[in-house]
């Protein structure tokens, strides 16, 4: 179900669609990390 409407796609030398941030990839990794640690079930205060 993936498409240029629901993913940032990376080719050999460019993005196939316009990124929302110059570092959108690492920002999304932060989002995934927050989603994954949410399964702990309690807020986690740390650096």
ModelCIF file with pLDDT and N, C-alpha, C, O atoms, coordinates in Angstrom:
data_MODEL
#
_entry.id   MODEL 
#
_entity.id                         1 
_entity.type                       polymer 
_entity.pdbx_number_of_molecules   1 
#
_entity_poly.entity_id                      1 
_entity_poly.type                           'polypeptide(L)' 
_entity_poly.nstd_linkage                   no 
_entity_poly.nstd_monomer                   no 
_entity_poly.pdbx_seq_one_letter_code       
;(UNK)(UNK)(UNK)(UNK)(UNK)(UNK)(UNK)(UNK)(UNK)(UNK)(UNK)(UNK)(UNK)(UNK)(UNK)(UNK)
(UNK)(UNK)(UNK)(UNK)(UNK)(UNK)(UNK)(UNK)(UNK)(UNK)(UNK)(UNK)(UNK)(UNK)(UNK)(UNK)
(UNK)(UNK)(UNK)(UNK)(UNK)(UNK)(UNK)(UNK)(UNK)(UNK)(UNK)(UNK)(UNK)(UNK)(UNK)
;
_entity_poly.pdbx_seq_one_letter_code_can   XXXXXXXXXXXXXXXXXXXXXXXXXXXXXXXXXXXXXXXXXXXXXXX 
_entity_poly.pdbx_strand_id                 A 
#
loop_
_entity_poly_seq.entity_id 
_entity_poly_seq.num 
_entity_poly_seq.mon_id 
_entity_poly_seq.hetero 
1 1  UNK n 
1 2  UNK n 
1 3  UNK n 
1 4  UNK n 
1 5  UNK n 
1 6  UNK n 
1 7  UNK n 
1 8  UNK n 
1 9  UNK n 
1 10 UNK n 
1 11 UNK n 
1 12 UNK n 
1 13 UNK n 
1 14 UNK n 
1 15 UNK n 
1 16 UNK n 
1 17 UNK n 
1 18 UNK n 
1 19 UNK n 
1 20 UNK n 
1 21 UNK n 
1 22 UNK n 
1 23 UNK n 
1 24 UNK n 
1 25 UNK n 
1 26 UNK n 
1 27 UNK n 
1 28 UNK n 
1 29 UNK n 
1 30 UNK n 
1 31 UNK n 
1 32 UNK n 
1 33 UNK n 
1 34 UNK n 
1 35 UNK n 
1 36 UNK n 
1 37 UNK n 
1 38 UNK n 
1 39 UNK n 
1 40 UNK n 
1 41 UNK n 
1 42 UNK n 
1 43 UNK n 
1 44 UNK n 
1 45 UNK n 
1 46 UNK n 
1 47 UNK n 
#
_struct_asym.id          A 
_struct_asym.entity_id   1 
#
loop_
_ma_qa_metric.id 
_ma_qa_metric.mode 
_ma_qa_metric.name 
_ma_qa_metric.software_group_id 
_ma_qa_metric.type 
1 global pLDDT . pLDDT 
2 local  pLDDT . pLDDT 
#
_ma_qa_metric_global.metric_id      1 
_ma_qa_metric_global.metric_value   96.89 
_ma_qa_metric_global.model_id       1 
_ma_qa_metric_global.ordinal_id     1 
#
loop_
_ma_qa_metric_local.label_asym_id 
_ma_qa_metric_local.label_comp_id 
_ma_qa_metric_local.label_seq_id 
_ma_qa_metric_local.metric_id 
_ma_qa_metric_local.metric_value 
_ma_qa_metric_local.model_id 
_ma_qa_metric_local.ordinal_id 
A UNK 1  2 97.00 1 1  
A UNK 2  2 97.00 1 2  
A UNK 3  2 97.00 1 3  
A UNK 4  2 97.00 1 4  
A UNK 5  2 97.00 1 5  
A UNK 6  2 97.00 1 6  
A UNK 7  2 98.00 1 7  
A UNK 8  2 98.00 1 8  
A UNK 9  2 98.00 1 9  
A UNK 10 2 97.00 1 10 
A UNK 11 2 96.00 1 11 
A UNK 12 2 92.00 1 12 
A UNK 13 2 93.00 1 13 
A UNK 14 2 96.00 1 14 
A UNK 15 2 97.00 1 15 
A UNK 16 2 97.00 1 16 
A UNK 17 2 97.00 1 17 
A UNK 18 2 97.00 1 18 
A UNK 19 2 98.00 1 19 
A UNK 20 2 98.00 1 20 
A UNK 21 2 98.00 1 21 
A UNK 22 2 97.00 1 22 
A UNK 23 2 98.00 1 23 
A UNK 24 2 98.00 1 24 
A UNK 25 2 98.00 1 25 
A UNK 26 2 98.00 1 26 
A UNK 27 2 98.00 1 27 
A UNK 28 2 98.00 1 28 
A UNK 29 2 98.00 1 29 
A UNK 30 2 98.00 1 30 
A UNK 31 2 98.00 1 31 
A UNK 32 2 98.00 1 32 
A UNK 33 2 98.00 1 33 
A UNK 34 2 98.00 1 34 
A UNK 35 2 98.00 1 35 
A UNK 36 2 98.00 1 36 
A UNK 37 2 98.00 1 37 
A UNK 38 2 98.00 1 38 
A UNK 39 2 98.00 1 39 
A UNK 40 2 96.00 1 40 
A UNK 41 2 94.00 1 41 
A UNK 42 2 92.00 1 42 
A UNK 43 2 92.00 1 43 
A UNK 44 2 94.00 1 44 
A UNK 45 2 96.00 1 45 
A UNK 46 2 97.00 1 46 
A UNK 47 2 98.00 1 47 
#
loop_
_atom_site.group_PDB 
_atom_site.id 
_atom_site.type_symbol 
_atom_site.label_atom_id 
_atom_site.label_alt_id 
_atom_site.label_comp_id 
_atom_site.label_asym_id 
_atom_site.label_entity_id 
_atom_site.label_seq_id 
_atom_site.pdbx_PDB_ins_code 
_atom_site.Cartn_x 
_atom_site.Cartn_y 
_atom_site.Cartn_z 
_atom_site.occupancy 
_atom_site.B_iso_or_equiv 
_atom_site.pdbx_formal_charge 
_atom_site.auth_seq_id 
_atom_site.auth_comp_id 
_atom_site.auth_asym_id 
_atom_site.auth_atom_id 
_atom_site.pdbx_PDB_model_num 
ATOM 1   N N  . UNK A 1 1  ? 0.811  -1.220 0.000  1.00 97.00 ? 1  UNK A N  1 
ATOM 2   C CA . UNK A 1 1  ? 0.000  0.000  0.000  1.00 97.00 ? 1  UNK A CA 1 
ATOM 3   C C  . UNK A 1 1  ? 0.838  1.260  0.000  1.00 97.00 ? 1  UNK A C  1 
ATOM 4   O O  . UNK A 1 1  ? 0.305  2.361  0.135  1.00 97.00 ? 1  UNK A O  1 
ATOM 5   N N  . UNK A 1 2  ? 2.141  1.109  -0.150 1.00 97.00 ? 2  UNK A N  1 
ATOM 6   C CA . UNK A 1 2  ? 3.032  2.266  -0.133 1.00 97.00 ? 2  UNK A CA 1 
ATOM 7   C C  . UNK A 1 2  ? 2.960  3.065  -1.419 1.00 97.00 ? 2  UNK A C  1 
ATOM 8   O O  . UNK A 1 2  ? 2.769  2.501  -2.496 1.00 97.00 ? 2  UNK A O  1 
ATOM 9   N N  . UNK A 1 3  ? 3.113  4.375  -1.313 1.00 97.00 ? 3  UNK A N  1 
ATOM 10  C CA . UNK A 1 3  ? 3.105  5.255  -2.478 1.00 97.00 ? 3  UNK A CA 1 
ATOM 11  C C  . UNK A 1 3  ? 3.781  6.563  -2.109 1.00 97.00 ? 3  UNK A C  1 
ATOM 12  O O  . UNK A 1 3  ? 4.182  6.771  -0.964 1.00 97.00 ? 3  UNK A O  1 
ATOM 13  N N  . UNK A 1 4  ? 3.897  7.434  -3.088 1.00 97.00 ? 4  UNK A N  1 
ATOM 14  C CA . UNK A 1 4  ? 4.469  8.752  -2.828 1.00 97.00 ? 4  UNK A CA 1 
ATOM 15  C C  . UNK A 1 4  ? 3.536  9.602  -1.971 1.00 97.00 ? 4  UNK A C  1 
ATOM 16  O O  . UNK A 1 4  ? 3.921  10.675 -1.507 1.00 97.00 ? 4  UNK A O  1 
ATOM 17  N N  . UNK A 1 5  ? 2.315  9.124  -1.762 1.00 97.00 ? 5  UNK A N  1 
ATOM 18  C CA . UNK A 1 5  ? 1.370  9.847  -0.915 1.00 97.00 ? 5  UNK A CA 1 
ATOM 19  C C  . UNK A 1 5  ? 1.507  9.509  0.560  1.00 97.00 ? 5  UNK A C  1 
ATOM 20  O O  . UNK A 1 5  ? 0.982  10.222 1.416  1.00 97.00 ? 5  UNK A O  1 
ATOM 21  N N  . UNK A 1 6  ? 2.216  8.415  0.863  1.00 97.00 ? 6  UNK A N  1 
ATOM 22  C CA . UNK A 1 6  ? 2.308  8.027  2.273  1.00 97.00 ? 6  UNK A CA 1 
ATOM 23  C C  . UNK A 1 6  ? 3.721  7.630  2.702  1.00 97.00 ? 6  UNK A C  1 
ATOM 24  O O  . UNK A 1 6  ? 3.904  7.014  3.752  1.00 97.00 ? 6  UNK A O  1 
ATOM 25  N N  . UNK A 1 7  ? 4.709  7.982  1.897  1.00 98.00 ? 7  UNK A N  1 
ATOM 26  C CA . UNK A 1 7  ? 6.095  7.699  2.272  1.00 98.00 ? 7  UNK A CA 1 
ATOM 27  C C  . UNK A 1 7  ? 7.031  8.632  1.522  1.00 98.00 ? 7  UNK A C  1 
ATOM 28  O O  . UNK A 1 7  ? 6.753  9.042  0.395  1.00 98.00 ? 7  UNK A O  1 
ATOM 29  N N  . UNK A 1 8  ? 8.129  8.955  2.158  1.00 98.00 ? 8  UNK A N  1 
ATOM 30  C CA . UNK A 1 8  ? 9.214  9.683  1.501  1.00 98.00 ? 8  UNK A CA 1 
ATOM 31  C C  . UNK A 1 8  ? 10.110 8.637  0.855  1.00 98.00 ? 8  UNK A C  1 
ATOM 32  O O  . UNK A 1 8  ? 10.682 7.792  1.544  1.00 98.00 ? 8  UNK A O  1 
ATOM 33  N N  . UNK A 1 9  ? 10.234 8.692  -0.470 1.00 98.00 ? 9  UNK A N  1 
ATOM 34  C CA . UNK A 1 9  ? 10.954 7.655  -1.202 1.00 98.00 ? 9  UNK A CA 1 
ATOM 35  C C  . UNK A 1 9  ? 12.298 8.193  -1.680 1.00 98.00 ? 9  UNK A C  1 
ATOM 36  O O  . UNK A 1 9  ? 12.384 9.275  -2.261 1.00 98.00 ? 9  UNK A O  1 
ATOM 37  N N  . UNK A 1 10 ? 13.349 7.408  -1.420 1.00 97.00 ? 10 UNK A N  1 
ATOM 38  C CA . UNK A 1 10 ? 14.724 7.814  -1.685 1.00 97.00 ? 10 UNK A CA 1 
ATOM 39  C C  . UNK A 1 10 ? 15.258 7.018  -2.873 1.00 97.00 ? 10 UNK A C  1 
ATOM 40  O O  . UNK A 1 10 ? 15.299 5.788  -2.838 1.00 97.00 ? 10 UNK A O  1 
ATOM 41  N N  . UNK A 1 11 ? 15.665 7.724  -3.921 1.00 96.00 ? 11 UNK A N  1 
ATOM 42  C CA . UNK A 1 11 ? 16.285 7.068  -5.074 1.00 96.00 ? 11 UNK A CA 1 
ATOM 43  C C  . UNK A 1 11 ? 17.795 7.106  -4.912 1.00 96.00 ? 11 UNK A C  1 
ATOM 44  O O  . UNK A 1 11 ? 18.296 7.424  -3.833 1.00 96.00 ? 11 UNK A O  1 
ATOM 45  N N  . UNK A 1 12 ? 18.524 6.787  -5.973 1.00 92.00 ? 12 UNK A N  1 
ATOM 46  C CA . UNK A 1 12 ? 19.986 6.742  -5.883 1.00 92.00 ? 12 UNK A CA 1 
ATOM 47  C C  . UNK A 1 12 ? 20.597 8.096  -5.573 1.00 92.00 ? 12 UNK A C  1 
ATOM 48  O O  . UNK A 1 12 ? 21.605 8.177  -4.870 1.00 92.00 ? 12 UNK A O  1 
ATOM 49  N N  . UNK A 1 13 ? 19.994 9.165  -6.093 1.00 93.00 ? 13 UNK A N  1 
ATOM 50  C CA . UNK A 1 13 ? 20.625 10.479 -5.929 1.00 93.00 ? 13 UNK A CA 1 
ATOM 51  C C  . UNK A 1 13 ? 19.664 11.595 -5.552 1.00 93.00 ? 13 UNK A C  1 
ATOM 52  O O  . UNK A 1 13 ? 20.041 12.766 -5.592 1.00 93.00 ? 13 UNK A O  1 
ATOM 53  N N  . UNK A 1 14 ? 18.433 11.261 -5.189 1.00 96.00 ? 14 UNK A N  1 
ATOM 54  C CA . UNK A 1 14 ? 17.471 12.307 -4.830 1.00 96.00 ? 14 UNK A CA 1 
ATOM 55  C C  . UNK A 1 14 ? 16.263 11.692 -4.137 1.00 96.00 ? 14 UNK A C  1 
ATOM 56  O O  . UNK A 1 14 ? 16.131 10.471 -4.050 1.00 96.00 ? 14 UNK A O  1 
ATOM 57  N N  . UNK A 1 15 ? 15.391 12.557 -3.648 1.00 97.00 ? 15 UNK A N  1 
ATOM 58  C CA . UNK A 1 15 ? 14.085 12.123 -3.162 1.00 97.00 ? 15 UNK A CA 1 
ATOM 59  C C  . UNK A 1 15 ? 13.118 12.140 -4.337 1.00 97.00 ? 15 UNK A C  1 
ATOM 60  O O  . UNK A 1 15 ? 13.184 13.035 -5.180 1.00 97.00 ? 15 UNK A O  1 
ATOM 61  N N  . UNK A 1 16 ? 12.230 11.169 -4.403 1.00 97.00 ? 16 UNK A N  1 
ATOM 62  C CA . UNK A 1 16 ? 11.239 11.137 -5.472 1.00 97.00 ? 16 UNK A CA 1 
ATOM 63  C C  . UNK A 1 16 ? 10.067 12.069 -5.186 1.00 97.00 ? 16 UNK A C  1 
ATOM 64  O O  . UNK A 1 16 ? 9.334  12.443 -6.102 1.00 97.00 ? 16 UNK A O  1 
ATOM 65  N N  . UNK A 1 17 ? 9.886  12.444 -3.932 1.00 97.00 ? 17 UNK A N  1 
ATOM 66  C CA . UNK A 1 17 ? 8.883  13.443 -3.567 1.00 97.00 ? 17 UNK A CA 1 
ATOM 67  C C  . UNK A 1 17 ? 9.512  14.445 -2.609 1.00 97.00 ? 17 UNK A C  1 
ATOM 68  O O  . UNK A 1 17 ? 10.588 14.207 -2.061 1.00 97.00 ? 17 UNK A O  1 
ATOM 69  N N  . UNK A 1 18 ? 8.841  15.543 -2.421 1.00 97.00 ? 18 UNK A N  1 
ATOM 70  C CA . UNK A 1 18 ? 9.416  16.659 -1.668 1.00 97.00 ? 18 UNK A CA 1 
ATOM 71  C C  . UNK A 1 18 ? 9.441  16.361 -0.170 1.00 97.00 ? 18 UNK A C  1 
ATOM 72  O O  . UNK A 1 18 ? 8.392  16.092 0.415  1.00 97.00 ? 18 UNK A O  1 
ATOM 73  N N  . UNK A 1 19 ? 10.617 16.404 0.464  1.00 98.00 ? 19 UNK A N  1 
ATOM 74  C CA . UNK A 1 19 ? 10.661 16.199 1.915  1.00 98.00 ? 19 UNK A CA 1 
ATOM 75  C C  . UNK A 1 19 ? 10.049 17.383 2.659  1.00 98.00 ? 19 UNK A C  1 
ATOM 76  O O  . UNK A 1 19 ? 10.086 18.515 2.177  1.00 98.00 ? 19 UNK A O  1 
ATOM 77  N N  . UNK A 1 20 ? 9.498  17.119 3.807  1.00 98.00 ? 20 UNK A N  1 
ATOM 78  C CA . UNK A 1 20 ? 8.918  18.175 4.630  1.00 98.00 ? 20 UNK A CA 1 
ATOM 79  C C  . UNK A 1 20 ? 9.981  18.890 5.458  1.00 98.00 ? 20 UNK A C  1 
ATOM 80  O O  . UNK A 1 20 ? 9.821  20.054 5.826  1.00 98.00 ? 20 UNK A O  1 
ATOM 81  N N  . UNK A 1 21 ? 11.064 18.178 5.745  1.00 98.00 ? 21 UNK A N  1 
ATOM 82  C CA . UNK A 1 21 ? 12.205 18.744 6.469  1.00 98.00 ? 21 UNK A CA 1 
ATOM 83  C C  . UNK A 1 21 ? 13.467 18.273 5.752  1.00 98.00 ? 21 UNK A C  1 
ATOM 84  O O  . UNK A 1 21 ? 13.455 17.226 5.104  1.00 98.00 ? 21 UNK A O  1 
ATOM 85  N N  . UNK A 1 22 ? 14.541 19.026 5.860  1.00 97.00 ? 22 UNK A N  1 
ATOM 86  C CA . UNK A 1 22 ? 15.792 18.593 5.224  1.00 97.00 ? 22 UNK A CA 1 
ATOM 87  C C  . UNK A 1 22 ? 16.309 17.320 5.882  1.00 97.00 ? 22 UNK A C  1 
ATOM 88  O O  . UNK A 1 22 ? 17.052 16.557 5.263  1.00 97.00 ? 22 UNK A O  1 
ATOM 89  N N  . UNK A 1 23 ? 15.922 17.089 7.127  1.00 98.00 ? 23 UNK A N  1 
ATOM 90  C CA . UNK A 1 23 ? 16.330 15.889 7.851  1.00 98.00 ? 23 UNK A CA 1 
ATOM 91  C C  . UNK A 1 23 ? 15.108 15.061 8.248  1.00 98.00 ? 23 UNK A C  1 
ATOM 92  O O  . UNK A 1 23 ? 15.030 14.561 9.371  1.00 98.00 ? 23 UNK A O  1 
ATOM 93  N N  . UNK A 1 24 ? 14.168 14.918 7.335  1.00 98.00 ? 24 UNK A N  1 
ATOM 94  C CA . UNK A 1 24 ? 12.911 14.236 7.654  1.00 98.00 ? 24 UNK A CA 1 
ATOM 95  C C  . UNK A 1 24 ? 13.125 12.791 8.078  1.00 98.00 ? 24 UNK A C  1 
ATOM 96  O O  . UNK A 1 24 ? 12.391 12.277 8.922  1.00 98.00 ? 24 UNK A O  1 
ATOM 97  N N  . UNK A 1 25 ? 14.128 12.130 7.499  1.00 98.00 ? 25 UNK A N  1 
ATOM 98  C CA . UNK A 1 25 ? 14.352 10.717 7.827  1.00 98.00 ? 25 UNK A CA 1 
ATOM 99  C C  . UNK A 1 25 ? 14.656 10.527 9.309  1.00 98.00 ? 25 UNK A C  1 
ATOM 100 O O  . UNK A 1 25 ? 14.042 9.686  9.967  1.00 98.00 ? 25 UNK A O  1 
ATOM 101 N N  . UNK A 1 26 ? 15.595 11.301 9.835  1.00 98.00 ? 26 UNK A N  1 
ATOM 102 C CA . UNK A 1 26 ? 15.952 11.115 11.238 1.00 98.00 ? 26 UNK A CA 1 
ATOM 103 C C  . UNK A 1 26 ? 14.818 11.563 12.153 1.00 98.00 ? 26 UNK A C  1 
ATOM 104 O O  . UNK A 1 26 ? 14.643 11.007 13.237 1.00 98.00 ? 26 UNK A O  1 
ATOM 105 N N  . UNK A 1 27 ? 14.052 12.555 11.731 1.00 98.00 ? 27 UNK A N  1 
ATOM 106 C CA . UNK A 1 27 ? 12.904 12.973 12.536 1.00 98.00 ? 27 UNK A CA 1 
ATOM 107 C C  . UNK A 1 27 ? 11.869 11.848 12.620 1.00 98.00 ? 27 UNK A C  1 
ATOM 108 O O  . UNK A 1 27 ? 11.259 11.626 13.666 1.00 98.00 ? 27 UNK A O  1 
ATOM 109 N N  . UNK A 1 28 ? 11.682 11.141 11.498 1.00 98.00 ? 28 UNK A N  1 
ATOM 110 C CA . UNK A 1 28 ? 10.729 10.032 11.550 1.00 98.00 ? 28 UNK A CA 1 
ATOM 111 C C  . UNK A 1 28 ? 11.243 8.906  12.446 1.00 98.00 ? 28 UNK A C  1 
ATOM 112 O O  . UNK A 1 28 ? 10.456 8.230  13.107 1.00 98.00 ? 28 UNK A O  1 
ATOM 113 N N  . UNK A 1 29 ? 12.539 8.708  12.470 1.00 98.00 ? 29 UNK A N  1 
ATOM 114 C CA . UNK A 1 29 ? 13.096 7.695  13.370 1.00 98.00 ? 29 UNK A CA 1 
ATOM 115 C C  . UNK A 1 29 ? 12.806 8.056  14.832 1.00 98.00 ? 29 UNK A C  1 
ATOM 116 O O  . UNK A 1 29 ? 12.558 7.175  15.656 1.00 98.00 ? 29 UNK A O  1 
ATOM 117 N N  . UNK A 1 30 ? 12.838 9.354  15.147 1.00 98.00 ? 30 UNK A N  1 
ATOM 118 C CA . UNK A 1 30 ? 12.468 9.788  16.498 1.00 98.00 ? 30 UNK A CA 1 
ATOM 119 C C  . UNK A 1 30 ? 11.007 9.454  16.767 1.00 98.00 ? 30 UNK A C  1 
ATOM 120 O O  . UNK A 1 30 ? 10.662 8.979  17.849 1.00 98.00 ? 30 UNK A O  1 
ATOM 121 N N  . UNK A 1 31 ? 10.145 9.704  15.773 1.00 98.00 ? 31 UNK A N  1 
ATOM 122 C CA . UNK A 1 31 ? 8.727  9.382  15.929 1.00 98.00 ? 31 UNK A CA 1 
ATOM 123 C C  . UNK A 1 31 ? 8.531  7.895  16.173 1.00 98.00 ? 31 UNK A C  1 
ATOM 124 O O  . UNK A 1 31 ? 7.786  7.511  17.074 1.00 98.00 ? 31 UNK A O  1 
ATOM 125 N N  . UNK A 1 32 ? 9.187  7.056  15.385 1.00 98.00 ? 32 UNK A N  1 
ATOM 126 C CA . UNK A 1 32 ? 9.080  5.614  15.587 1.00 98.00 ? 32 UNK A CA 1 
ATOM 127 C C  . UNK A 1 32 ? 9.570  5.209  16.969 1.00 98.00 ? 32 UNK A C  1 
ATOM 128 O O  . UNK A 1 32 ? 8.967  4.357  17.621 1.00 98.00 ? 32 UNK A O  1 
ATOM 129 N N  . UNK A 1 33 ? 10.656 5.817  17.412 1.00 98.00 ? 33 UNK A N  1 
ATOM 130 C CA . UNK A 1 33 ? 11.199 5.501  18.736 1.00 98.00 ? 33 UNK A CA 1 
ATOM 131 C C  . UNK A 1 33 ? 10.176 5.827  19.824 1.00 98.00 ? 33 UNK A C  1 
ATOM 132 O O  . UNK A 1 33 ? 9.990  5.045  20.756 1.00 98.00 ? 33 UNK A O  1 
ATOM 133 N N  . UNK A 1 34 ? 9.517  6.975  19.709 1.00 98.00 ? 34 UNK A N  1 
ATOM 134 C CA . UNK A 1 34 ? 8.498  7.343  20.696 1.00 98.00 ? 34 UNK A CA 1 
ATOM 135 C C  . UNK A 1 34 ? 7.349  6.343  20.680 1.00 98.00 ? 34 UNK A C  1 
ATOM 136 O O  . UNK A 1 34 ? 6.834  5.958  21.730 1.00 98.00 ? 34 UNK A O  1 
ATOM 137 N N  . UNK A 1 35 ? 6.950  5.923  19.469 1.00 98.00 ? 35 UNK A N  1 
ATOM 138 C CA . UNK A 1 35 ? 5.883  4.924  19.385 1.00 98.00 ? 35 UNK A CA 1 
ATOM 139 C C  . UNK A 1 35 ? 6.285  3.602  20.003 1.00 98.00 ? 35 UNK A C  1 
ATOM 140 O O  . UNK A 1 35 ? 5.474  2.941  20.652 1.00 98.00 ? 35 UNK A O  1 
ATOM 141 N N  . UNK A 1 36 ? 7.536  3.214  19.804 1.00 98.00 ? 36 UNK A N  1 
ATOM 142 C CA . UNK A 1 36 ? 8.002  1.928  20.319 1.00 98.00 ? 36 UNK A CA 1 
ATOM 143 C C  . UNK A 1 36 ? 8.142  1.933  21.837 1.00 98.00 ? 36 UNK A C  1 
ATOM 144 O O  . UNK A 1 36 ? 7.787  0.951  22.488 1.00 98.00 ? 36 UNK A O  1 
ATOM 145 N N  . UNK A 1 37 ? 8.649  3.012  22.410 1.00 98.00 ? 37 UNK A N  1 
ATOM 146 C CA . UNK A 1 37 ? 8.786  3.039  23.868 1.00 98.00 ? 37 UNK A CA 1 
ATOM 147 C C  . UNK A 1 37 ? 7.448  3.296  24.551 1.00 98.00 ? 37 UNK A C  1 
ATOM 148 O O  . UNK A 1 37 ? 7.328  3.124  25.764 1.00 98.00 ? 37 UNK A O  1 
ATOM 149 N N  . UNK A 1 38 ? 6.435  3.710  23.778 1.00 98.00 ? 38 UNK A N  1 
ATOM 150 C CA . UNK A 1 38 ? 5.101  3.874  24.361 1.00 98.00 ? 38 UNK A CA 1 
ATOM 151 C C  . UNK A 1 38 ? 4.554  2.549  24.873 1.00 98.00 ? 38 UNK A C  1 
ATOM 152 O O  . UNK A 1 38 ? 3.680  2.535  25.740 1.00 98.00 ? 38 UNK A O  1 
ATOM 153 N N  . UNK A 1 39 ? 5.060  1.433  24.347 1.00 98.00 ? 39 UNK A N  1 
ATOM 154 C CA . UNK A 1 39 ? 4.610  0.124  24.795 1.00 98.00 ? 39 UNK A CA 1 
ATOM 155 C C  . UNK A 1 39 ? 5.073  -0.193 26.218 1.00 98.00 ? 39 UNK A C  1 
ATOM 156 O O  . UNK A 1 39 ? 4.613  -1.165 26.816 1.00 98.00 ? 39 UNK A O  1 
ATOM 157 N N  . UNK A 1 40 ? 5.969  0.610  26.754 1.00 96.00 ? 40 UNK A N  1 
ATOM 158 C CA . UNK A 1 40 ? 6.377  0.447  28.152 1.00 96.00 ? 40 UNK A CA 1 
ATOM 159 C C  . UNK A 1 40 ? 5.176  0.669  29.070 1.00 96.00 ? 40 UNK A C  1 
ATOM 160 O O  . UNK A 1 40 ? 5.061  0.037  30.120 1.00 96.00 ? 40 UNK A O  1 
ATOM 161 N N  . UNK A 1 41 ? 4.287  1.571  28.664 1.00 94.00 ? 41 UNK A N  1 
ATOM 162 C CA . UNK A 1 41 ? 3.062  1.800  29.421 1.00 94.00 ? 41 UNK A CA 1 
ATOM 163 C C  . UNK A 1 41 ? 3.146  2.877  30.474 1.00 94.00 ? 41 UNK A C  1 
ATOM 164 O O  . UNK A 1 41 ? 2.152  3.174  31.136 1.00 94.00 ? 41 UNK A O  1 
ATOM 165 N N  . UNK A 1 42 ? 4.311  3.467  30.643 1.00 92.00 ? 42 UNK A N  1 
ATOM 166 C CA . UNK A 1 42 ? 4.496  4.570  31.585 1.00 92.00 ? 42 UNK A CA 1 
ATOM 167 C C  . UNK A 1 42 ? 5.415  5.603  30.951 1.00 92.00 ? 42 UNK A C  1 
ATOM 168 O O  . UNK A 1 42 ? 6.299  5.243  30.174 1.00 92.00 ? 42 UNK A O  1 
ATOM 169 N N  . UNK A 1 43 ? 5.223  6.888  31.268 1.00 92.00 ? 43 UNK A N  1 
ATOM 170 C CA . UNK A 1 43 ? 6.124  7.912  30.734 1.00 92.00 ? 43 UNK A CA 1 
ATOM 171 C C  . UNK A 1 43 ? 7.557  7.638  31.177 1.00 92.00 ? 43 UNK A C  1 
ATOM 172 O O  . UNK A 1 43 ? 7.795  7.195  32.301 1.00 92.00 ? 43 UNK A O  1 
ATOM 173 N N  . UNK A 1 44 ? 8.497  7.901  30.297 1.00 94.00 ? 44 UNK A N  1 
ATOM 174 C CA . UNK A 1 44 ? 9.902  7.633  30.573 1.00 94.00 ? 44 UNK A CA 1 
ATOM 175 C C  . UNK A 1 44 ? 10.662 8.958  30.507 1.00 94.00 ? 44 UNK A C  1 
ATOM 176 O O  . UNK A 1 44 ? 10.719 9.602  29.460 1.00 94.00 ? 44 UNK A O  1 
ATOM 177 N N  . UNK A 1 45 ? 11.241 9.351  31.636 1.00 96.00 ? 45 UNK A N  1 
ATOM 178 C CA . UNK A 1 45 ? 11.971 10.615 31.713 1.00 96.00 ? 45 UNK A CA 1 
ATOM 179 C C  . UNK A 1 45 ? 13.457 10.323 31.649 1.00 96.00 ? 45 UNK A C  1 
ATOM 180 O O  . UNK A 1 45 ? 14.024 9.748  32.578 1.00 96.00 ? 45 UNK A O  1 
ATOM 181 N N  . UNK A 1 46 ? 14.092 10.723 30.545 1.00 97.00 ? 46 UNK A N  1 
ATOM 182 C CA . UNK A 1 46 ? 15.506 10.428 30.344 1.00 97.00 ? 46 UNK A CA 1 
ATOM 183 C C  . UNK A 1 46 ? 16.029 11.263 29.187 1.00 97.00 ? 46 UNK A C  1 
ATOM 184 O O  . UNK A 1 46 ? 15.265 11.863 28.431 1.00 97.00 ? 46 UNK A O  1 
ATOM 185 N N  . UNK A 1 47 ? 17.349 11.286 29.070 1.00 98.00 ? 47 UNK A N  1 
ATOM 186 C CA . UNK A 1 47 ? 18.002 11.819 27.878 1.00 98.00 ? 47 UNK A CA 1 
ATOM 187 C C  . UNK A 1 47 ? 18.403 10.615 27.046 1.00 98.00 ? 47 UNK A C  1 
ATOM 188 O O  . UNK A 1 47 ? 18.981 10.772 25.971 1.00 98.00 ? 47 UNK A O  1 
#
